[in-house]
Amino acid sequence: MKTQKTGEQIQKKFEFTAPRARPFLASLPAKIDTYEEGVARLFQWRTGLDYYATIDQIADFIIHTRRTKIVDLLSDTATFAVRLAGRKAFVGRIHSFDSNVTLLERARQRARQLNLSQAVEFRQFEEKGWPLPDGFAEIAVSIFDFHRHDAQRFLQEVFRILAHEGYLLLAEVLEPKTLRNRLAWKCREFHLRFLQGNADEARGIYYDREEVIRLLFEVGFRQVVIQELRSRSSPHQGVFSLVAATK
């Protein structure tokens, strides 16, 4: 801004210059893509599975059901929502939620770049619940996130937003309650907390197969099918599994 002095008066004049690029938005794609690489590495380290191949398996399941109103309970990297929306065989709409505005902005950018904005909507929400009416969703999807929540409260809220005959697809590591497995988890917890600096993941609570079935039935789900996505090397090993629960 310049000033011009005329007699005893001072008049301010605006100098119109080209706007500067905002550093945050200019560097956002690179930062989020680096974050996604970290998520993929953590997923493979924790599950022994490829991140993208696993998400494609979940997308295949949804397409096979022919359901069209999908709720992605946590956008995170938006990989699931974007990959499902980009499938030619998918003719529905995805409502994807996250509390992180930075991740949501990047997700919207990716959807626009891929011409997928008509198929997927990204929305912000608070951790206590999703801003959706009762019975809204035909399928609700949670990918490697259940262990971070209060199980009963999480499942009750999902049950609320699901329509009759709707599905919850819960993709999570199921951990057997054996002594050897508990010792192995203590080692992983130490690695997460002190070597990776990921305290949130270190605090995760994992359930075994029977516990998950019991939790789902207690909330009101009437049928539960579990498919392990990897062969066990021993009965003590936790396995990433796809849990399909019908309301």
C-alpha atoms as a PDB file:
ATOM      1  CA  MET A   1       0.000   0.000   0.000  1.00  0.00           C
ATOM      2  CA  LYS A   2       1.426   3.457  -0.975  1.00  0.00           C
ATOM      3  CA  THR A   3       0.689   6.906   0.432  1.00  0.00           C
ATOM      4  CA  GLN A   4       0.623  10.216  -1.376  1.00  0.00           C
ATOM      5  CA  LYS A   5       0.943  13.463   0.572  1.00  0.00           C
ATOM      6  CA  THR A   6      -1.027  16.481  -0.678  1.00  0.00           C
ATOM      7  CA  GLY A   7      -0.565  19.558   1.510  1.00  0.00           C
ATOM      8  CA  GLU A   8      -1.449  18.537   5.028  1.00  0.00           C
ATOM      9  CA  GLN A   9      -3.572  15.600   3.938  1.00  0.00           C
ATOM     10  CA  ILE A  10      -2.426  12.052   3.528  1.00  0.00           C
ATOM     11  CA  GLN A  11      -4.393   9.952   1.076  1.00  0.00           C
ATOM     12  CA  LYS A  12      -3.956   6.186   0.977  1.00  0.00           C
ATOM     13  CA  LYS A  13      -3.894   4.514  -2.402  1.00  0.00           C
ATOM     14  CA  PHE A  14      -4.238   0.794  -2.989  1.00  0.00           C
ATOM     15  CA  GLU A  15      -1.646  -0.856  -5.126  1.00  0.00           C
ATOM     16  CA  PHE A  16      -3.261  -3.684  -7.082  1.00  0.00           C
ATOM     17  CA  THR A  17      -0.767  -6.498  -7.560  1.00  0.00           C
ATOM     18  CA  ALA A  18      -1.210 -10.122  -8.569  1.00  0.00           C
ATOM     19  CA  PRO A  19      -2.207 -12.279  -5.575  1.00  0.00           C
ATOM     20  CA  ARG A  20       0.424 -14.573  -4.193  1.00  0.00           C
ATOM     21  CA  ALA A  21      -0.173 -18.304  -4.058  1.00  0.00           C
ATOM     22  CA  ARG A  22      -1.109 -19.438  -0.576  1.00  0.00           C
ATOM     23  CA  PRO A  23       1.608 -21.819   0.647  1.00  0.00           C
ATOM     24  CA  PHE A  24      -0.861 -24.134   2.412  1.00  0.00           C
ATOM     25  CA  LEU A  25      -3.042 -24.844  -0.609  1.00  0.00           C
ATOM     26  CA  ALA A  26      -0.130 -24.779  -3.038  1.00  0.00           C
ATOM     27  CA  SER A  27       1.674 -27.554  -1.170  1.00  0.00           C
ATOM     28  CA  LEU A  28      -1.402 -29.452   0.002  1.00  0.00           C
ATOM     29  CA  PRO A  29      -1.440 -32.223  -2.662  1.00  0.00           C
ATOM     30  CA  ALA A  30       2.185 -33.184  -2.060  1.00  0.00           C
ATOM     31  CA  LYS A  31       1.738 -33.218   1.718  1.00  0.00           C
ATOM     32  CA  ILE A  32      -1.401 -35.353   1.631  1.00  0.00           C
ATOM     33  CA  ASP A  33       0.058 -37.748  -0.930  1.00  0.00           C
ATOM     34  CA  THR A  34       3.039 -38.248   1.382  1.00  0.00           C
ATOM     35  CA  TYR A  35       0.589 -38.907   4.205  1.00  0.00           C
ATOM     36  CA  GLU A  36      -1.174 -41.528   2.072  1.00  0.00           C
ATOM     37  CA  GLU A  37       2.125 -43.292   1.443  1.00  0.00           C
ATOM     38  CA  GLY A  38       2.611 -43.485   5.202  1.00  0.00           C
ATOM     39  CA  VAL A  39      -0.891 -44.894   5.686  1.00  0.00           C
ATOM     40  CA  ALA A  40      -0.223 -47.557   3.050  1.00  0.00           C
ATOM     41  CA  ARG A  41       3.062 -48.534   4.724  1.00  0.00           C
ATOM     42  CA  LEU A  42       1.441 -48.728   8.182  1.00  0.00           C
ATOM     43  CA  PHE A  43      -1.398 -50.826   6.787  1.00  0.00           C
ATOM     44  CA  GLN A  44       0.977 -53.319   5.181  1.00  0.00           C
ATOM     45  CA  TRP A  45       3.171 -53.497   8.291  1.00  0.00           C
ATOM     46  CA  ARG A  46       0.141 -54.084  10.511  1.00  0.00           C
ATOM     47  CA  THR A  47      -1.822 -56.484   8.272  1.00  0.00           C
ATOM     48  CA  GLY A  48       0.660 -58.006   5.832  1.00  0.00           C
ATOM     49  CA  LEU A  49      -1.640 -56.949   2.971  1.00  0.00           C
ATOM     50  CA  ASP A  50      -1.354 -54.448   0.148  1.00  0.00           C
ATOM     51  CA  TYR A  51      -3.361 -51.315   0.972  1.00  0.00           C
ATOM     52  CA  TYR A  52      -4.756 -50.673  -2.496  1.00  0.00           C
ATOM     53  CA  ALA A  53      -5.495 -54.313  -3.358  1.00  0.00           C
ATOM     54  CA  THR A  54      -7.427 -54.668  -0.094  1.00  0.00           C
ATOM     55  CA  ILE A  55      -9.504 -51.566  -0.781  1.00  0.00           C
ATOM     56  CA  ASP A  56     -10.286 -52.919  -4.244  1.00  0.00           C
ATOM     57  CA  GLN A  57     -11.543 -56.163  -2.670  1.00  0.00           C
ATOM     58  CA  ILE A  58     -13.938 -54.162  -0.502  1.00  0.00           C
ATOM     59  CA  ALA A  59     -15.093 -52.172  -3.541  1.00  0.00           C
ATOM     60  CA  ASP A  60     -15.712 -55.454  -5.383  1.00  0.00           C
ATOM     61  CA  PHE A  61     -17.940 -56.658  -2.553  1.00  0.00           C
ATOM     62  CA  ILE A  62     -20.011 -53.461  -2.639  1.00  0.00           C
ATOM     63  CA  ILE A  63     -20.459 -53.560  -6.397  1.00  0.00           C
ATOM     64  CA  HIS A  64     -21.588 -57.183  -6.134  1.00  0.00           C
ATOM     65  CA  THR A  65     -24.358 -56.189  -3.678  1.00  0.00           C
ATOM     66  CA  ARG A  66     -25.757 -53.664  -6.209  1.00  0.00           C
ATOM     67  CA  ARG A  67     -26.460 -51.218  -3.366  1.00  0.00           C
ATOM     68  CA  THR A  68     -26.302 -47.546  -4.356  1.00  0.00           C
ATOM     69  CA  LYS A  69     -26.311 -45.416  -1.196  1.00  0.00           C
ATOM     70  CA  ILE A  70     -22.920 -45.876   0.454  1.00  0.00           C
ATOM     71  CA  VAL A  71     -21.564 -44.149   3.560  1.00  0.00           C
ATOM     72  CA  ASP A  72     -17.787 -44.098   3.985  1.00  0.00           C
ATOM     73  CA  LEU A  73     -17.480 -43.650   7.743  1.00  0.00           C
ATOM     74  CA  LEU A  74     -13.967 -42.193   7.554  1.00  0.00           C
ATOM     75  CA  SER A  75     -12.553 -40.564   4.403  1.00  0.00           C
ATOM     76  CA  ASP A  76      -8.936 -40.430   5.626  1.00  0.00           C
ATOM     77  CA  THR A  77      -6.887 -40.638   2.404  1.00  0.00           C
ATOM     78  CA  ALA A  78     -10.128 -40.832   0.313  1.00  0.00           C
ATOM     79  CA  THR A  79      -8.603 -43.790  -1.511  1.00  0.00           C
ATOM     80  CA  PHE A  80     -11.610 -46.030  -0.919  1.00  0.00           C
ATOM     81  CA  ALA A  81     -14.222 -43.450  -1.937  1.00  0.00           C
ATOM     82  CA  VAL A  82     -12.360 -42.373  -5.064  1.00  0.00           C
ATOM     83  CA  ARG A  83     -11.559 -45.910  -6.216  1.00  0.00           C
ATOM     84  CA  LEU A  84     -15.140 -47.088  -5.725  1.00  0.00           C
ATOM     85  CA  ALA A  85     -16.603 -43.980  -7.390  1.00  0.00           C
ATOM     86  CA  GLY A  86     -14.295 -44.494 -10.360  1.00  0.00           C
ATOM     87  CA  ARG A  87     -15.557 -48.005 -11.097  1.00  0.00           C
ATOM     88  CA  LYS A  88     -17.753 -48.194 -14.208  1.00  0.00           C
ATOM     89  CA  ALA A  89     -19.877 -50.855 -12.532  1.00  0.00           C
ATOM     90  CA  PHE A  90     -20.708 -48.580  -9.599  1.00  0.00           C
ATOM     91  CA  VAL A  91     -23.854 -46.530 -10.270  1.00  0.00           C
ATOM     92  CA  GLY A  92     -24.549 -45.214  -6.778  1.00  0.00           C
ATOM     93  CA  ARG A  93     -23.392 -42.307  -4.635  1.00  0.00           C
ATOM     94  CA  ILE A  94     -20.875 -42.250  -1.809  1.00  0.00           C
ATOM     95  CA  HIS A  95     -21.170 -39.991   1.229  1.00  0.00           C
ATOM     96  CA  SER A  96     -17.705 -39.821   2.801  1.00  0.00           C
ATOM     97  CA  PHE A  97     -16.973 -38.222   6.185  1.00  0.00           C
ATOM     98  CA  ASP A  98     -13.939 -36.987   8.075  1.00  0.00           C
ATOM     99  CA  SER A  99     -13.280 -34.535  10.899  1.00  0.00           C
ATOM    100  CA  ASN A 100      -9.985 -33.388   9.322  1.00  0.00           C
ATOM    101  CA  VAL A 101     -10.627 -30.399   7.030  1.00  0.00           C
ATOM    102  CA  THR A 102      -7.212 -30.729   5.357  1.00  0.00           C
ATOM    103  CA  LEU A 103      -7.877 -34.306   4.297  1.00  0.00           C
ATOM    104  CA  LEU A 104     -11.348 -33.335   3.094  1.00  0.00           C
ATOM    105  CA  GLU A 105      -9.998 -30.507   0.944  1.00  0.00           C
ATOM    106  CA  ARG A 106      -7.533 -32.831  -0.732  1.00  0.00           C
ATOM    107  CA  ALA A 107     -10.267 -35.425  -1.215  1.00  0.00           C
ATOM    108  CA  ARG A 108     -12.465 -32.883  -2.983  1.00  0.00           C
ATOM    109  CA  GLN A 109      -9.537 -31.864  -5.183  1.00  0.00           C
ATOM    110  CA  ARG A 110      -8.965 -35.475  -6.212  1.00  0.00           C
ATOM    111  CA  ALA A 111     -12.644 -36.026  -6.968  1.00  0.00           C
ATOM    112  CA  ARG A 112     -12.762 -32.914  -9.164  1.00  0.00           C
ATOM    113  CA  GLN A 113      -9.589 -33.863 -11.016  1.00  0.00           C
ATOM    114  CA  LEU A 114     -11.032 -37.306 -11.773  1.00  0.00           C
ATOM    115  CA  ASN A 115     -14.510 -35.974 -12.676  1.00  0.00           C
ATOM    116  CA  LEU A 116     -16.051 -37.938  -9.817  1.00  0.00           C
ATOM    117  CA  SER A 117     -17.784 -35.117  -7.936  1.00  0.00           C
ATOM    118  CA  GLN A 118     -21.212 -36.379  -9.029  1.00  0.00           C
ATOM    119  CA  ALA A 119     -20.559 -39.796  -7.507  1.00  0.00           C
ATOM    120  CA  VAL A 120     -18.941 -38.879  -4.183  1.00  0.00           C
ATOM    121  CA  GLU A 121     -19.567 -36.171  -1.590  1.00  0.00           C
ATOM    122  CA  PHE A 122     -17.060 -35.351   1.140  1.00  0.00           C
ATOM    123  CA  ARG A 123     -18.432 -33.878   4.362  1.00  0.00           C
ATOM    124  CA  GLN A 124     -17.075 -32.864   7.747  1.00  0.00           C
ATOM    125  CA  PHE A 125     -18.418 -34.409  10.944  1.00  0.00           C
ATOM    126  CA  GLU A 126     -17.683 -34.526  14.655  1.00  0.00           C
ATOM    127  CA  GLU A 127     -16.470 -37.717  16.257  1.00  0.00           C
ATOM    128  CA  LYS A 128     -19.672 -38.205  18.273  1.00  0.00           C
ATOM    129  CA  GLY A 129     -21.777 -39.100  15.249  1.00  0.00           C
ATOM    130  CA  TRP A 130     -22.534 -38.725  11.560  1.00  0.00           C
ATOM    131  CA  PRO A 131     -24.957 -35.971  10.463  1.00  0.00           C
ATOM    132  CA  LEU A 132     -27.338 -38.364   8.731  1.00  0.00           C
ATOM    133  CA  PRO A 133     -30.985 -39.270   9.342  1.00  0.00           C
ATOM    134  CA  ASP A 134     -32.005 -42.647  10.724  1.00  0.00           C
ATOM    135  CA  GLY A 135     -32.055 -45.419   8.128  1.00  0.00           C
ATOM    136  CA  PHE A 136     -30.136 -43.396   5.525  1.00  0.00           C
ATOM    137  CA  ALA A 137     -27.447 -45.811   4.293  1.00  0.00           C
ATOM    138  CA  GLU A 138     -27.661 -49.078   2.408  1.00  0.00           C
ATOM    139  CA  ILE A 139     -24.026 -49.850   3.220  1.00  0.00           C
ATOM    140  CA  ALA A 140     -21.744 -48.267   5.819  1.00  0.00           C
ATOM    141  CA  VAL A 141     -18.015 -48.931   5.446  1.00  0.00           C
ATOM    142  CA  SER A 142     -15.294 -48.762   8.095  1.00  0.00           C
ATOM    143  CA  ILE A 143     -11.763 -49.610   6.956  1.00  0.00           C
ATOM    144  CA  PHE A 144      -9.084 -50.163   9.619  1.00  0.00           C
ATOM    145  CA  ASP A 145     -10.636 -47.620  11.993  1.00  0.00           C
ATOM    146  CA  PHE A 146     -12.862 -49.561  14.388  1.00  0.00           C
ATOM    147  CA  HIS A 147     -10.002 -50.185  16.847  1.00  0.00           C
ATOM    148  CA  ARG A 148      -9.781 -46.427  17.561  1.00  0.00           C
ATOM    149  CA  HIS A 149     -13.343 -46.101  18.891  1.00  0.00           C
ATOM    150  CA  ASP A 150     -15.569 -47.032  21.782  1.00  0.00           C
ATOM    151  CA  ALA A 151     -16.992 -50.181  20.189  1.00  0.00           C
ATOM    152  CA  GLN A 152     -20.539 -50.073  21.551  1.00  0.00           C
ATOM    153  CA  ARG A 153     -21.113 -46.373  20.885  1.00  0.00           C
ATOM    154  CA  PHE A 154     -19.623 -46.674  17.384  1.00  0.00           C
ATOM    155  CA  LEU A 155     -21.798 -49.656  16.454  1.00  0.00           C
ATOM    156  CA  GLN A 156     -24.958 -48.109  17.886  1.00  0.00           C
ATOM    157  CA  GLU A 157     -24.475 -45.007  15.744  1.00  0.00           C
ATOM    158  CA  VAL A 158     -23.799 -47.087  12.629  1.00  0.00           C
ATOM    159  CA  PHE A 159     -26.910 -49.175  13.344  1.00  0.00           C
ATOM    160  CA  ARG A 160     -28.934 -45.953  13.550  1.00  0.00           C
ATOM    161  CA  ILE A 161     -27.925 -44.651  10.125  1.00  0.00           C
ATOM    162  CA  LEU A 162     -28.383 -47.999   8.348  1.00  0.00           C
ATOM    163  CA  ALA A 163     -31.609 -48.843   6.520  1.00  0.00           C
ATOM    164  CA  HIS A 164     -33.416 -52.127   7.146  1.00  0.00           C
ATOM    165  CA  GLU A 165     -31.476 -54.891   5.382  1.00  0.00           C
ATOM    166  CA  GLY A 166     -28.486 -52.531   5.215  1.00  0.00           C
ATOM    167  CA  TYR A 167     -24.916 -53.744   5.697  1.00  0.00           C
ATOM    168  CA  LEU A 168     -22.063 -52.673   7.893  1.00  0.00           C
ATOM    169  CA  LEU A 169     -18.761 -53.618   6.265  1.00  0.00           C
ATOM    170  CA  LEU A 170     -16.163 -53.647   8.995  1.00  0.00           C
ATOM    171  CA  ALA A 171     -12.614 -54.225   7.747  1.00  0.00           C
ATOM    172  CA  GLU A 172     -10.395 -54.749  10.764  1.00  0.00           C
ATOM    173  CA  VAL A 173      -7.702 -56.925  12.332  1.00  0.00           C
ATOM    174  CA  LEU A 174      -9.225 -59.614  14.537  1.00  0.00           C
ATOM    175  CA  GLU A 175      -6.818 -60.627  17.294  1.00  0.00           C
ATOM    176  CA  PRO A 176      -7.116 -63.980  19.130  1.00  0.00           C
ATOM    177  CA  LYS A 177      -6.907 -63.686  22.900  1.00  0.00           C
ATOM    178  CA  THR A 178      -3.966 -66.029  23.368  1.00  0.00           C
ATOM    179  CA  LEU A 179      -0.960 -65.340  25.566  1.00  0.00           C
ATOM    180  CA  ARG A 180       1.403 -65.443  22.584  1.00  0.00           C
ATOM    181  CA  ASN A 181      -0.730 -62.954  20.683  1.00  0.00           C
ATOM    182  CA  ARG A 182      -0.894 -60.592  23.647  1.00  0.00           C
ATOM    183  CA  LEU A 183       2.879 -60.630  23.950  1.00  0.00           C
ATOM    184  CA  ALA A 184       3.206 -59.970  20.210  1.00  0.00           C
ATOM    185  CA  TRP A 185       0.818 -57.022  20.525  1.00  0.00           C
ATOM    186  CA  LYS A 186       2.908 -55.581  23.367  1.00  0.00           C
ATOM    187  CA  CYS A 187       5.892 -55.588  21.004  1.00  0.00           C
ATOM    188  CA  ARG A 188       3.864 -53.921  18.252  1.00  0.00           C
ATOM    189  CA  GLU A 189       2.511 -51.379  20.726  1.00  0.00           C
ATOM    190  CA  PHE A 190       6.045 -50.467  21.794  1.00  0.00           C
ATOM    191  CA  HIS A 191       7.079 -50.128  18.139  1.00  0.00           C
ATOM    192  CA  LEU A 192       4.111 -47.895  17.340  1.00  0.00           C
ATOM    193  CA  ARG A 193       4.483 -45.681  20.379  1.00  0.00           C
ATOM    194  CA  PHE A 194       8.239 -45.207  20.618  1.00  0.00           C
ATOM    195  CA  LEU A 195       9.715 -46.044  17.210  1.00  0.00           C
ATOM    196  CA  GLN A 196       6.954 -44.764  14.927  1.00  0.00           C
ATOM    197  CA  GLY A 197       5.702 -42.067  17.313  1.00  0.00           C
ATOM    198  CA  ASN A 198       2.098 -43.096  16.638  1.00  0.00           C
ATOM    199  CA  ALA A 199       0.448 -42.990  20.059  1.00  0.00           C
ATOM    200  CA  ASP A 200      -3.103 -43.084  18.650  1.00  0.00           C
ATOM    201  CA  GLU A 201      -2.486 -46.418  16.955  1.00  0.00           C
ATOM    202  CA  ALA A 202      -0.690 -47.751  20.012  1.00  0.00           C
ATOM    203  CA  ARG A 203      -3.860 -47.134  22.060  1.00  0.00           C
ATOM    204  CA  GLY A 204      -5.985 -49.171  19.645  1.00  0.00           C
ATOM    205  CA  ILE A 205      -8.265 -51.878  21.059  1.00  0.00           C
ATOM    206  CA  TYR A 206      -8.639 -55.027  18.977  1.00  0.00           C
ATOM    207  CA  TYR A 207     -11.192 -57.804  19.371  1.00  0.00           C
ATOM    208  CA  ASP A 208     -11.248 -61.455  18.484  1.00  0.00           C
ATOM    209  CA  ARG A 209     -13.798 -63.097  16.208  1.00  0.00           C
ATOM    210  CA  GLU A 210     -16.263 -64.073  18.947  1.00  0.00           C
ATOM    211  CA  GLU A 211     -16.092 -60.665  20.638  1.00  0.00           C
ATOM    212  CA  VAL A 212     -16.938 -58.852  17.396  1.00  0.00           C
ATOM    213  CA  ILE A 213     -19.887 -61.169  16.737  1.00  0.00           C
ATOM    214  CA  ARG A 214     -21.178 -60.624  20.274  1.00  0.00           C
ATOM    215  CA  LEU A 215     -20.841 -56.827  20.022  1.00  0.00           C
ATOM    216  CA  LEU A 216     -22.730 -56.742  16.718  1.00  0.00           C
ATOM    217  CA  PHE A 217     -25.574 -58.947  17.970  1.00  0.00           C
ATOM    218  CA  GLU A 218     -25.895 -56.907  21.175  1.00  0.00           C
ATOM    219  CA  VAL A 219     -26.427 -53.736  19.146  1.00  0.00           C
ATOM    220  CA  GLY A 220     -29.133 -55.391  17.032  1.00  0.00           C
ATOM    221  CA  PHE A 221     -27.508 -56.787  13.891  1.00  0.00           C
ATOM    222  CA  ARG A 222     -29.170 -60.075  12.983  1.00  0.00           C
ATOM    223  CA  GLN A 223     -26.588 -61.749  10.751  1.00  0.00           C
ATOM    224  CA  VAL A 224     -22.786 -61.636  10.744  1.00  0.00           C
ATOM    225  CA  VAL A 225     -20.450 -63.130   8.141  1.00  0.00           C
ATOM    226  CA  ILE A 226     -16.663 -62.924   8.546  1.00  0.00           C
ATOM    227  CA  GLN A 227     -14.112 -63.505   5.798  1.00  0.00           C
ATOM    228  CA  GLU A 228     -10.414 -63.519   6.608  1.00  0.00           C
ATOM    229  CA  LEU A 229      -8.428 -61.733   3.895  1.00  0.00           C
ATOM    230  CA  ARG A 230      -5.232 -63.599   4.673  1.00  0.00           C
ATOM    231  CA  SER A 231      -4.394 -67.162   5.672  1.00  0.00           C
ATOM    232  CA  ARG A 232      -3.241 -67.614   9.262  1.00  0.00           C
ATOM    233  CA  SER A 233       0.270 -68.894   9.817  1.00  0.00           C
ATOM    234  CA  SER A 234      -0.699 -69.917  13.364  1.00  0.00           C
ATOM    235  CA  PRO A 235      -3.769 -69.825  15.643  1.00  0.00           C
ATOM    236  CA  HIS A 236      -2.067 -67.021  17.575  1.00  0.00           C
ATOM    237  CA  GLN A 237      -1.890 -64.629  14.635  1.00  0.00           C
ATOM    238  CA  GLY A 238      -4.220 -61.678  14.170  1.00  0.00           C
ATOM    239  CA  VAL A 239      -5.801 -61.537  10.699  1.00  0.00           C
ATOM    240  CA  PHE A 240      -7.248 -58.612   8.790  1.00  0.00           C
ATOM    241  CA  SER A 241     -10.854 -59.598   8.071  1.00  0.00           C
ATOM    242  CA  LEU A 242     -13.964 -58.296   6.351  1.00  0.00           C
ATOM    243  CA  VAL A 243     -16.991 -58.437   8.649  1.00  0.00           C
ATOM    244  CA  ALA A 244     -20.380 -58.057   6.948  1.00  0.00           C
ATOM    245  CA  ALA A 245     -23.212 -57.423   9.419  1.00  0.00           C
ATOM    246  CA  THR A 246     -26.850 -57.180   8.285  1.00  0.00           C
ATOM    247  CA  LYS A 247     -29.347 -54.946  10.072  1.00  0.00           C
END
